[in-house]
C-alpha cells in the first residue's frame, strides 16, 4: 500500500472524535518517515493530523548514567513509559492542549514541548514498543484506535542504523557495537509483537 492508500484507510476509520494511530516497528524501519508523510497527505486532504513520537520519552542521558544504562539507550526501560502512557491518556481525553516532547538526534536528548497537540482530530504516534505486552507498555495498545507494524529485514536496518549513528558523531566501532549489542536485540523484541498489529507493512 502506498501512503495515499494508507491515508484513505485512516480517513475511513476516523470518526467524529479523536483517532489515535500507532505506527510500530524495529529501530531504523522508517516509522518516523512514514508518520510524517502520512500526516502531510492527510493535511493536504483537509484532515488535520499531528505526529506524536515515542522517542520524546527517552530518559535524559544524566538519568541513564545514574542507571548505568547509557550503552543500552533505546531499550524498553530506557524510556519513560509511564510518562508516555499518561500523555496518550491526555490525548485521548481531548479537548485540551497537550505539550508533547520530541527527540533531538543532534543533542541526543528529549526536547520538551517539541510538538503541541491542540484540536487535531488525528494523532499519529510512532515508536518501537507500542505493542509490547509488559510493564507500563502493556497499557498502550488499548489507547490506540489502530496499530500498524512496519517490518524491515536486518540487512536493510543495519546500514540505516550505521548511517544514523555515524551522522550522530559515533565512531564506526561504537556504532557497530551499539547495533550488534542493543539495536538488533531490540528489533527481535519488537518483531515478536507484530501479531498484535491491525496491519503489517
N, C-alpha and C. Protein backbone atom coordinates (compact mmCIF):
# COMPACT_ATOMS: atom_id res chain seq x y z
N UNK A 1 0.84 -1.20 0.00
CA UNK A 1 0.00 0.00 0.00
C UNK A 1 0.88 1.25 0.00
N UNK A 2 0.50 2.25 -0.81
CA UNK A 2 1.26 3.48 -0.78
C UNK A 2 0.66 4.43 0.26
N UNK A 3 1.31 5.58 0.45
CA UNK A 3 0.88 6.49 1.51
C UNK A 3 -0.53 7.03 1.27
N UNK A 4 -0.88 7.26 0.00
CA UNK A 4 -2.22 7.75 -0.31
C UNK A 4 -3.28 6.73 0.10
N UNK A 5 -3.01 5.46 -0.15
CA UNK A 5 -3.95 4.41 0.24
C UNK A 5 -4.04 4.29 1.76
N UNK A 6 -2.90 4.44 2.42
CA UNK A 6 -2.91 4.39 3.88
C UNK A 6 -3.68 5.57 4.47
N UNK A 7 -3.54 6.74 3.84
CA UNK A 7 -4.30 7.91 4.31
C UNK A 7 -5.79 7.68 4.14
N UNK A 8 -6.19 7.03 3.05
CA UNK A 8 -7.60 6.72 2.85
C UNK A 8 -8.09 5.78 3.95
N UNK A 9 -7.27 4.83 4.31
CA UNK A 9 -7.63 3.89 5.39
C UNK A 9 -7.89 4.65 6.70
N UNK A 10 -7.00 5.59 7.01
CA UNK A 10 -7.19 6.38 8.23
C UNK A 10 -8.48 7.19 8.16
N UNK A 11 -8.72 7.83 7.04
CA UNK A 11 -9.91 8.65 6.88
C UNK A 11 -11.18 7.82 7.01
N UNK A 12 -11.15 6.61 6.49
CA UNK A 12 -12.32 5.73 6.58
C UNK A 12 -12.61 5.31 8.02
N UNK A 13 -11.55 5.17 8.81
CA UNK A 13 -11.72 4.66 10.17
C UNK A 13 -11.86 5.76 11.22
N UNK A 14 -11.45 6.96 10.89
CA UNK A 14 -11.54 8.06 11.85
C UNK A 14 -12.99 8.52 11.97
N UNK A 15 -13.48 8.59 13.19
CA UNK A 15 -14.84 9.04 13.42
C UNK A 15 -14.88 10.52 13.73
N UNK A 16 -15.88 10.92 14.50
CA UNK A 16 -16.04 12.33 14.84
C UNK A 16 -15.12 12.75 15.98
N UNK A 17 -14.71 11.79 16.81
CA UNK A 17 -13.81 12.13 17.91
C UNK A 17 -12.37 12.07 17.48
N UNK A 18 -11.49 11.93 18.44
CA UNK A 18 -10.07 11.86 18.12
C UNK A 18 -9.69 10.43 17.74
N UNK A 19 -8.91 10.29 16.69
CA UNK A 19 -8.44 8.99 16.21
C UNK A 19 -6.94 8.91 16.47
N UNK A 20 -6.51 7.90 17.22
CA UNK A 20 -5.09 7.74 17.54
C UNK A 20 -4.56 6.50 16.82
N UNK A 21 -3.62 6.72 15.93
CA UNK A 21 -2.98 5.66 15.16
C UNK A 21 -1.57 5.43 15.69
N UNK A 22 -1.22 4.18 15.93
CA UNK A 22 0.13 3.84 16.34
C UNK A 22 0.89 3.17 15.20
N UNK A 23 2.09 3.64 14.92
CA UNK A 23 2.96 3.01 13.92
C UNK A 23 4.16 2.42 14.66
N UNK A 24 4.32 1.13 14.51
CA UNK A 24 5.29 0.36 15.31
C UNK A 24 6.29 -0.31 14.38
N UNK A 25 7.48 -0.54 14.88
CA UNK A 25 8.47 -1.28 14.11
C UNK A 25 9.82 -1.21 14.78
N UNK A 26 10.78 -2.00 14.30
CA UNK A 26 12.12 -2.00 14.89
C UNK A 26 12.88 -0.71 14.59
N UNK A 27 13.99 -0.48 15.29
CA UNK A 27 14.79 0.71 15.04
C UNK A 27 15.24 0.77 13.58
N UNK A 28 15.07 1.93 12.94
CA UNK A 28 15.51 2.10 11.58
C UNK A 28 14.54 1.61 10.51
N UNK A 29 13.33 1.23 10.92
CA UNK A 29 12.36 0.69 9.95
C UNK A 29 11.72 1.76 9.08
N UNK A 30 11.81 3.02 9.49
CA UNK A 30 11.19 4.09 8.72
C UNK A 30 9.87 4.58 9.29
N UNK A 31 9.67 4.33 10.57
CA UNK A 31 8.41 4.73 11.23
C UNK A 31 8.20 6.24 11.17
N UNK A 32 9.23 6.99 11.51
CA UNK A 32 9.11 8.45 11.55
C UNK A 32 8.81 9.00 10.16
N UNK A 33 9.50 8.47 9.16
CA UNK A 33 9.29 8.94 7.79
C UNK A 33 7.86 8.66 7.34
N UNK A 34 7.38 7.45 7.62
CA UNK A 34 6.01 7.10 7.25
C UNK A 34 5.01 7.99 7.98
N UNK A 35 5.21 8.19 9.28
CA UNK A 35 4.28 9.01 10.06
C UNK A 35 4.21 10.43 9.52
N UNK A 36 5.37 11.00 9.19
CA UNK A 36 5.40 12.38 8.69
C UNK A 36 4.77 12.49 7.31
N UNK A 37 5.02 11.52 6.43
CA UNK A 37 4.41 11.55 5.10
C UNK A 37 2.90 11.36 5.19
N UNK A 38 2.48 10.48 6.06
CA UNK A 38 1.05 10.25 6.25
C UNK A 38 0.37 11.51 6.78
N UNK A 39 1.00 12.16 7.75
CA UNK A 39 0.47 13.43 8.28
C UNK A 39 0.31 14.45 7.17
N UNK A 40 1.33 14.57 6.33
CA UNK A 40 1.29 15.58 5.26
C UNK A 40 0.17 15.29 4.27
N UNK A 41 0.00 14.01 3.89
CA UNK A 41 -1.06 13.65 2.94
C UNK A 41 -2.44 13.92 3.56
N UNK A 42 -2.61 13.57 4.82
CA UNK A 42 -3.89 13.82 5.49
C UNK A 42 -4.19 15.31 5.57
N UNK A 43 -3.17 16.10 5.85
CA UNK A 43 -3.38 17.55 5.95
C UNK A 43 -3.70 18.16 4.59
N UNK A 44 -3.07 17.63 3.55
CA UNK A 44 -3.40 18.11 2.19
C UNK A 44 -4.84 17.78 1.83
N UNK A 45 -5.36 16.68 2.38
CA UNK A 45 -6.73 16.25 2.08
C UNK A 45 -7.75 16.95 2.97
N UNK A 46 -7.25 17.80 3.89
CA UNK A 46 -8.17 18.55 4.73
C UNK A 46 -8.38 18.00 6.13
N UNK A 47 -7.83 16.80 6.40
CA UNK A 47 -7.91 16.25 7.75
C UNK A 47 -6.68 16.71 8.52
N UNK A 48 -6.88 17.30 9.65
CA UNK A 48 -5.73 17.82 10.41
C UNK A 48 -5.13 16.71 11.26
N UNK A 49 -3.87 16.42 11.02
CA UNK A 49 -3.17 15.36 11.74
C UNK A 49 -1.87 15.89 12.33
N UNK A 50 -1.41 15.25 13.39
CA UNK A 50 -0.16 15.65 14.05
C UNK A 50 0.58 14.38 14.44
N UNK A 51 1.91 14.43 14.43
CA UNK A 51 2.74 13.29 14.81
C UNK A 51 3.25 13.50 16.24
N UNK A 52 3.06 12.46 17.07
CA UNK A 52 3.50 12.49 18.47
C UNK A 52 4.45 11.31 18.70
N UNK A 53 5.76 11.50 18.54
CA UNK A 53 6.70 10.37 18.59
C UNK A 53 6.98 9.85 19.99
N UNK A 54 7.13 8.54 20.09
CA UNK A 54 7.50 7.91 21.36
C UNK A 54 8.91 8.32 21.79
N UNK A 55 9.78 8.66 20.81
CA UNK A 55 11.18 8.97 21.12
C UNK A 55 11.33 10.17 22.06
N UNK A 56 10.31 11.01 22.13
CA UNK A 56 10.38 12.14 23.06
C UNK A 56 10.44 11.71 24.51
N UNK A 57 10.13 10.44 24.75
CA UNK A 57 10.12 9.93 26.12
C UNK A 57 11.38 9.13 26.47
N UNK A 58 12.44 9.28 25.65
CA UNK A 58 13.76 8.80 26.07
C UNK A 58 14.09 9.42 27.42
N UNK A 59 14.64 8.65 28.31
CA UNK A 59 15.15 9.25 29.56
C UNK A 59 16.38 10.09 29.22
N UNK A 60 16.58 11.15 29.99
CA UNK A 60 17.74 12.01 29.75
C UNK A 60 19.04 11.25 30.02
N UNK A 61 20.10 11.67 29.36
CA UNK A 61 21.37 10.96 29.49
C UNK A 61 21.88 10.93 30.93
N UNK A 62 21.64 12.00 31.68
CA UNK A 62 22.09 12.02 33.07
C UNK A 62 21.38 10.92 33.88
N UNK A 63 20.10 10.73 33.60
CA UNK A 63 19.35 9.68 34.29
C UNK A 63 19.84 8.30 33.87
N UNK A 64 20.12 8.14 32.58
CA UNK A 64 20.65 6.87 32.09
C UNK A 64 22.01 6.57 32.72
N UNK A 65 22.82 7.60 32.90
CA UNK A 65 24.12 7.40 33.54
C UNK A 65 23.94 6.92 34.98
N UNK A 66 22.95 7.48 35.67
CA UNK A 66 22.67 7.04 37.04
C UNK A 66 22.23 5.58 37.07
N UNK A 67 21.56 5.15 36.00
CA UNK A 67 21.09 3.77 35.88
C UNK A 67 22.16 2.85 35.30
N UNK A 68 23.32 3.41 34.93
CA UNK A 68 24.37 2.67 34.21
C UNK A 68 23.79 2.04 32.95
N UNK A 69 22.97 2.83 32.25
CA UNK A 69 22.23 2.30 31.10
C UNK A 69 22.47 3.08 29.81
N UNK A 70 23.43 3.99 29.79
CA UNK A 70 23.64 4.81 28.59
C UNK A 70 23.93 3.93 27.37
N UNK A 71 24.71 2.86 27.55
CA UNK A 71 25.06 2.00 26.42
C UNK A 71 23.84 1.23 25.90
N UNK A 72 22.81 1.12 26.74
CA UNK A 72 21.60 0.39 26.34
C UNK A 72 20.49 1.32 25.86
N UNK A 73 20.82 2.57 25.64
CA UNK A 73 19.80 3.55 25.26
C UNK A 73 18.99 3.06 24.08
N UNK A 74 17.68 3.10 24.23
CA UNK A 74 16.79 2.60 23.19
C UNK A 74 16.07 1.33 23.61
N UNK A 75 16.52 0.69 24.70
CA UNK A 75 15.83 -0.50 25.20
C UNK A 75 14.62 -0.06 26.02
N UNK A 76 13.64 -0.96 26.24
CA UNK A 76 12.37 -0.55 26.85
C UNK A 76 12.48 0.25 28.15
N UNK A 77 13.38 -0.15 29.05
CA UNK A 77 13.45 0.53 30.34
C UNK A 77 14.21 1.86 30.28
N UNK A 78 14.76 2.21 29.11
CA UNK A 78 15.45 3.49 28.99
C UNK A 78 14.51 4.60 28.53
N UNK A 79 13.23 4.27 28.43
CA UNK A 79 12.18 5.25 28.14
C UNK A 79 11.33 5.47 29.37
N UNK A 80 10.73 6.63 29.45
CA UNK A 80 9.75 6.93 30.50
C UNK A 80 8.39 6.42 30.01
N UNK A 81 8.19 5.12 30.13
CA UNK A 81 6.96 4.50 29.61
C UNK A 81 5.73 5.03 30.33
N UNK A 82 5.85 5.24 31.64
CA UNK A 82 4.72 5.78 32.39
C UNK A 82 4.32 7.16 31.88
N UNK A 83 5.32 7.99 31.58
CA UNK A 83 5.04 9.32 31.05
C UNK A 83 4.40 9.27 29.69
N UNK A 84 4.84 8.33 28.86
CA UNK A 84 4.27 8.16 27.53
C UNK A 84 2.80 7.76 27.62
N UNK A 85 2.50 6.79 28.47
CA UNK A 85 1.11 6.34 28.64
C UNK A 85 0.24 7.48 29.17
N UNK A 86 0.76 8.23 30.14
CA UNK A 86 0.00 9.35 30.69
C UNK A 86 -0.30 10.40 29.62
N UNK A 87 0.68 10.67 28.76
CA UNK A 87 0.48 11.65 27.69
C UNK A 87 -0.56 11.14 26.69
N UNK A 88 -0.50 9.84 26.37
CA UNK A 88 -1.51 9.27 25.46
C UNK A 88 -2.91 9.39 26.07
N UNK A 89 -3.02 9.17 27.37
CA UNK A 89 -4.33 9.31 28.03
C UNK A 89 -4.85 10.74 27.91
N UNK A 90 -3.95 11.72 28.04
CA UNK A 90 -4.37 13.11 27.91
C UNK A 90 -4.84 13.39 26.48
N UNK A 91 -4.13 12.83 25.51
CA UNK A 91 -4.53 12.99 24.11
C UNK A 91 -5.91 12.39 23.88
N UNK A 92 -6.14 11.21 24.44
CA UNK A 92 -7.42 10.54 24.26
C UNK A 92 -8.55 11.32 24.92
N UNK A 93 -8.22 12.05 25.99
CA UNK A 93 -9.25 12.77 26.75
C UNK A 93 -9.72 14.03 26.07
N UNK A 94 -9.09 14.44 24.98
CA UNK A 94 -9.47 15.60 24.19
C UNK A 94 -10.82 16.18 24.62
N UNK A 95 -11.04 17.48 24.65
CA UNK A 95 -10.13 18.51 24.12
C UNK A 95 -9.10 18.94 25.16
N UNK A 96 -8.24 19.85 24.75
CA UNK A 96 -7.22 20.37 25.64
C UNK A 96 -5.86 20.31 25.00
N UNK A 97 -5.05 21.25 25.38
CA UNK A 97 -3.69 21.36 24.84
C UNK A 97 -2.78 20.34 25.52
N UNK A 98 -2.03 19.60 24.72
CA UNK A 98 -1.06 18.64 25.26
C UNK A 98 0.31 18.97 24.68
N UNK A 99 1.24 19.29 25.56
CA UNK A 99 2.62 19.54 25.13
C UNK A 99 3.35 18.20 25.09
N UNK A 100 3.84 17.84 23.92
CA UNK A 100 4.42 16.52 23.69
C UNK A 100 5.91 16.66 23.38
N UNK A 101 6.77 15.94 24.09
CA UNK A 101 8.20 16.06 23.82
C UNK A 101 8.62 15.36 22.53
N UNK A 102 9.66 15.86 21.90
CA UNK A 102 10.27 15.20 20.76
C UNK A 102 11.70 14.84 21.14
N UNK A 103 12.49 14.35 20.18
CA UNK A 103 13.86 13.92 20.48
C UNK A 103 14.80 14.51 19.45
N UNK A 104 15.91 15.06 19.93
CA UNK A 104 16.92 15.65 19.05
C UNK A 104 18.07 14.67 18.84
N UNK A 105 18.32 14.32 17.59
CA UNK A 105 19.47 13.46 17.30
C UNK A 105 20.77 14.26 17.32
N UNK A 106 20.65 15.58 17.38
CA UNK A 106 21.83 16.43 17.47
C UNK A 106 22.36 16.44 18.90
N UNK A 107 21.47 16.69 19.86
CA UNK A 107 21.88 16.72 21.27
C UNK A 107 21.75 15.36 21.94
N UNK A 108 21.04 14.42 21.28
CA UNK A 108 20.79 13.09 21.84
C UNK A 108 19.98 13.17 23.13
N UNK A 109 19.08 14.17 23.18
CA UNK A 109 18.25 14.40 24.36
C UNK A 109 16.80 14.70 23.94
N UNK A 110 15.84 14.44 24.84
CA UNK A 110 14.46 14.85 24.56
C UNK A 110 14.31 16.36 24.56
N UNK A 111 13.34 16.84 23.80
CA UNK A 111 13.06 18.28 23.70
C UNK A 111 11.65 18.52 24.25
N UNK A 112 11.51 19.16 25.41
CA UNK A 112 10.18 19.39 25.97
C UNK A 112 9.30 20.19 25.03
N UNK A 113 8.03 19.80 24.93
CA UNK A 113 7.03 20.52 24.13
C UNK A 113 7.49 20.71 22.68
N UNK A 114 8.18 19.71 22.15
CA UNK A 114 8.61 19.79 20.75
C UNK A 114 7.43 19.81 19.80
N UNK A 115 6.31 19.22 20.23
CA UNK A 115 5.06 19.24 19.48
C UNK A 115 3.97 19.68 20.44
N UNK A 116 3.08 20.54 19.97
CA UNK A 116 1.92 20.93 20.77
C UNK A 116 0.67 20.41 20.06
N UNK A 117 -0.06 19.53 20.75
CA UNK A 117 -1.29 18.96 20.20
C UNK A 117 -2.45 19.77 20.74
N UNK A 118 -3.28 20.26 19.84
CA UNK A 118 -4.42 21.07 20.27
C UNK A 118 -5.73 20.40 19.85
N UNK A 119 -6.31 20.82 18.73
CA UNK A 119 -7.60 20.25 18.35
C UNK A 119 -7.52 19.32 17.15
N UNK A 120 -6.32 18.85 16.81
CA UNK A 120 -6.18 17.95 15.66
C UNK A 120 -6.98 16.67 15.91
N UNK A 121 -7.82 16.26 14.95
CA UNK A 121 -8.63 15.06 15.15
C UNK A 121 -7.86 13.75 14.99
N UNK A 122 -6.69 13.80 14.32
CA UNK A 122 -5.91 12.58 14.09
C UNK A 122 -4.53 12.76 14.71
N UNK A 123 -4.17 11.85 15.60
CA UNK A 123 -2.85 11.86 16.23
C UNK A 123 -2.14 10.57 15.83
N UNK A 124 -0.96 10.72 15.24
CA UNK A 124 -0.15 9.58 14.82
C UNK A 124 1.02 9.47 15.79
N UNK A 125 1.08 8.39 16.53
CA UNK A 125 2.21 8.18 17.44
C UNK A 125 3.02 7.01 16.90
N UNK A 126 4.34 7.14 16.94
CA UNK A 126 5.18 6.07 16.38
C UNK A 126 6.33 5.76 17.31
N UNK A 127 6.69 4.47 17.33
CA UNK A 127 7.80 4.06 18.19
C UNK A 127 7.96 2.55 18.17
N UNK A 128 8.93 2.08 18.94
CA UNK A 128 9.26 0.65 18.94
C UNK A 128 8.31 -0.20 19.76
N UNK A 129 7.88 0.31 20.91
CA UNK A 129 7.32 -0.58 21.93
C UNK A 129 5.81 -0.40 22.17
N UNK A 130 5.10 0.12 21.18
CA UNK A 130 3.68 0.39 21.35
C UNK A 130 2.85 -0.88 21.52
N UNK A 131 3.39 -2.02 21.07
CA UNK A 131 2.65 -3.27 21.17
C UNK A 131 3.26 -4.23 22.20
N UNK A 132 4.24 -3.74 22.94
CA UNK A 132 4.88 -4.58 23.95
C UNK A 132 3.89 -4.87 25.08
N UNK A 133 3.80 -6.13 25.46
CA UNK A 133 2.79 -6.53 26.46
C UNK A 133 3.45 -6.80 27.81
N UNK A 134 4.22 -5.83 28.28
CA UNK A 134 4.86 -5.98 29.59
C UNK A 134 5.10 -4.62 30.21
N UNK A 135 5.14 -4.58 31.53
CA UNK A 135 5.36 -3.33 32.25
C UNK A 135 4.33 -2.28 31.86
N UNK A 136 4.69 -1.02 31.98
CA UNK A 136 3.76 0.06 31.63
C UNK A 136 3.36 0.04 30.16
N UNK A 137 4.20 -0.56 29.30
CA UNK A 137 3.91 -0.59 27.86
C UNK A 137 2.61 -1.34 27.55
N UNK A 138 2.22 -2.25 28.42
CA UNK A 138 1.04 -3.07 28.12
C UNK A 138 -0.24 -2.24 28.03
N UNK A 139 -0.22 -1.02 28.58
CA UNK A 139 -1.41 -0.16 28.54
C UNK A 139 -1.53 0.62 27.24
N UNK A 140 -0.49 0.62 26.42
CA UNK A 140 -0.50 1.46 25.21
C UNK A 140 -1.52 0.97 24.19
N UNK A 141 -1.58 -0.35 23.95
CA UNK A 141 -2.42 -0.86 22.86
C UNK A 141 -3.88 -0.45 23.01
N UNK A 142 -4.38 -0.43 24.23
CA UNK A 142 -5.79 -0.08 24.44
C UNK A 142 -6.06 1.40 24.19
N UNK A 143 -5.01 2.21 24.09
CA UNK A 143 -5.17 3.65 23.85
C UNK A 143 -5.06 3.99 22.37
N UNK A 144 -4.82 2.97 21.53
CA UNK A 144 -4.71 3.17 20.09
C UNK A 144 -5.98 2.68 19.40
N UNK A 145 -6.48 3.46 18.47
CA UNK A 145 -7.63 3.01 17.67
C UNK A 145 -7.18 1.96 16.66
N UNK A 146 -5.97 2.10 16.18
CA UNK A 146 -5.43 1.14 15.23
C UNK A 146 -3.92 1.15 15.38
N UNK A 147 -3.28 -0.01 15.09
CA UNK A 147 -1.82 -0.11 15.15
C UNK A 147 -1.32 -0.75 13.87
N UNK A 148 -0.30 -0.14 13.27
CA UNK A 148 0.35 -0.68 12.08
C UNK A 148 1.76 -1.07 12.43
N UNK A 149 2.22 -2.18 11.86
CA UNK A 149 3.58 -2.65 12.10
C UNK A 149 4.38 -2.53 10.80
N UNK A 150 5.50 -1.82 10.87
CA UNK A 150 6.39 -1.66 9.71
C UNK A 150 7.57 -2.61 9.91
N UNK A 151 7.65 -3.63 9.07
CA UNK A 151 8.72 -4.62 9.24
C UNK A 151 9.74 -4.49 8.11
N UNK A 152 10.99 -4.50 8.49
CA UNK A 152 12.10 -4.37 7.53
C UNK A 152 13.17 -5.37 7.96
N UNK A 153 13.75 -6.14 7.02
CA UNK A 153 14.77 -7.12 7.40
C UNK A 153 16.04 -6.45 7.91
N UNK A 154 16.79 -7.23 8.70
CA UNK A 154 18.01 -6.70 9.32
C UNK A 154 19.03 -6.22 8.30
N UNK A 155 19.08 -6.85 7.13
CA UNK A 155 20.10 -6.43 6.17
C UNK A 155 19.83 -5.05 5.59
N UNK A 156 18.61 -4.54 5.81
CA UNK A 156 18.30 -3.16 5.44
C UNK A 156 18.44 -2.26 6.67
N UNK A 157 18.03 -2.77 7.83
CA UNK A 157 18.11 -1.98 9.05
C UNK A 157 19.55 -1.59 9.40
N UNK A 158 20.46 -2.54 9.30
CA UNK A 158 21.83 -2.30 9.78
C UNK A 158 22.51 -1.13 9.06
N UNK A 159 22.48 -1.05 7.73
CA UNK A 159 23.09 0.12 7.08
C UNK A 159 22.41 1.44 7.48
N UNK A 160 21.10 1.41 7.64
CA UNK A 160 20.39 2.62 8.05
C UNK A 160 20.83 3.07 9.44
N UNK A 161 20.91 2.11 10.36
CA UNK A 161 21.33 2.45 11.72
C UNK A 161 22.78 2.92 11.76
N UNK A 162 23.62 2.27 10.97
CA UNK A 162 25.04 2.67 10.92
C UNK A 162 25.15 4.11 10.44
N UNK A 163 24.42 4.45 9.39
CA UNK A 163 24.45 5.82 8.87
C UNK A 163 23.95 6.81 9.92
N UNK A 164 22.89 6.43 10.63
CA UNK A 164 22.33 7.30 11.67
C UNK A 164 23.34 7.58 12.76
N UNK A 165 24.02 6.52 13.24
CA UNK A 165 24.95 6.69 14.34
C UNK A 165 26.20 7.45 13.92
N UNK A 166 26.67 7.18 12.71
CA UNK A 166 27.85 7.92 12.22
C UNK A 166 27.52 9.40 12.08
N UNK A 167 26.32 9.71 11.58
CA UNK A 167 25.91 11.11 11.45
C UNK A 167 25.76 11.77 12.82
N UNK A 168 25.45 10.95 13.83
CA UNK A 168 25.30 11.48 15.19
C UNK A 168 26.62 11.64 15.93
N UNK A 169 27.74 11.28 15.29
CA UNK A 169 29.05 11.51 15.89
C UNK A 169 29.74 10.29 16.48
N UNK A 170 29.13 9.11 16.39
CA UNK A 170 29.80 7.92 16.90
C UNK A 170 30.87 7.46 15.92
N UNK A 171 31.88 6.79 16.42
CA UNK A 171 32.86 6.17 15.54
C UNK A 171 32.22 4.92 14.93
N UNK A 172 32.83 4.41 13.86
CA UNK A 172 32.27 3.20 13.25
C UNK A 172 32.26 2.04 14.25
N UNK A 173 33.31 1.89 15.03
CA UNK A 173 33.38 0.80 16.00
C UNK A 173 32.27 0.95 17.05
N UNK A 174 32.06 2.17 17.53
CA UNK A 174 31.00 2.41 18.51
C UNK A 174 29.63 2.11 17.91
N UNK A 175 29.43 2.55 16.67
CA UNK A 175 28.14 2.35 16.01
C UNK A 175 27.88 0.86 15.79
N UNK A 176 28.88 0.15 15.32
CA UNK A 176 28.70 -1.28 15.07
C UNK A 176 28.43 -2.04 16.37
N UNK A 177 29.09 -1.64 17.44
CA UNK A 177 28.86 -2.29 18.73
C UNK A 177 27.45 -2.02 19.23
N UNK A 178 26.99 -0.78 19.09
CA UNK A 178 25.63 -0.42 19.54
C UNK A 178 24.59 -1.22 18.75
N UNK A 179 24.79 -1.36 17.47
CA UNK A 179 23.85 -2.11 16.63
C UNK A 179 23.82 -3.58 17.03
N UNK A 180 25.00 -4.18 17.17
CA UNK A 180 25.08 -5.61 17.47
C UNK A 180 24.60 -5.93 18.88
N UNK A 181 24.96 -5.09 19.84
CA UNK A 181 24.70 -5.41 21.24
C UNK A 181 23.35 -4.91 21.75
N UNK A 182 22.73 -3.98 21.02
CA UNK A 182 21.48 -3.41 21.51
C UNK A 182 20.38 -3.36 20.45
N UNK A 183 20.64 -2.71 19.35
CA UNK A 183 19.56 -2.45 18.39
C UNK A 183 19.00 -3.71 17.74
N UNK A 184 19.84 -4.66 17.40
CA UNK A 184 19.32 -5.88 16.77
C UNK A 184 18.54 -6.72 17.79
N UNK A 185 18.95 -6.68 19.05
CA UNK A 185 18.17 -7.36 20.09
C UNK A 185 16.82 -6.67 20.27
N UNK A 186 16.83 -5.33 20.21
CA UNK A 186 15.57 -4.59 20.30
C UNK A 186 14.66 -4.93 19.12
N UNK A 187 15.25 -5.05 17.93
CA UNK A 187 14.48 -5.37 16.74
C UNK A 187 13.78 -6.72 16.90
N UNK A 188 14.48 -7.70 17.45
CA UNK A 188 13.87 -9.02 17.65
C UNK A 188 12.73 -8.93 18.66
N UNK A 189 12.91 -8.15 19.70
CA UNK A 189 11.86 -7.98 20.71
C UNK A 189 10.64 -7.33 20.09
N UNK A 190 10.86 -6.31 19.28
CA UNK A 190 9.75 -5.59 18.65
C UNK A 190 9.02 -6.49 17.65
N UNK A 191 9.77 -7.26 16.86
CA UNK A 191 9.13 -8.13 15.87
C UNK A 191 8.22 -9.17 16.53
N UNK A 192 8.53 -9.54 17.76
CA UNK A 192 7.71 -10.52 18.46
C UNK A 192 6.33 -9.97 18.82
N UNK A 193 6.13 -8.65 18.61
CA UNK A 193 4.85 -8.03 18.94
C UNK A 193 3.98 -7.78 17.71
N UNK A 194 4.47 -8.12 16.53
CA UNK A 194 3.76 -7.74 15.30
C UNK A 194 2.39 -8.38 15.18
N UNK A 195 2.17 -9.53 15.84
CA UNK A 195 0.86 -10.19 15.77
C UNK A 195 -0.25 -9.37 16.43
N UNK A 196 0.13 -8.35 17.21
CA UNK A 196 -0.87 -7.52 17.88
C UNK A 196 -1.28 -6.32 17.01
N UNK A 197 -0.68 -6.20 15.84
CA UNK A 197 -0.99 -5.09 14.95
C UNK A 197 -2.22 -5.39 14.09
N UNK A 198 -2.88 -4.33 13.65
CA UNK A 198 -4.03 -4.46 12.75
C UNK A 198 -3.58 -4.60 11.29
N UNK A 199 -2.41 -4.07 10.99
CA UNK A 199 -1.90 -4.07 9.62
C UNK A 199 -0.40 -4.20 9.66
N UNK A 200 0.18 -5.06 8.81
CA UNK A 200 1.63 -5.21 8.72
C UNK A 200 2.06 -4.70 7.35
N UNK A 201 3.01 -3.79 7.36
CA UNK A 201 3.52 -3.18 6.12
C UNK A 201 4.95 -3.65 5.87
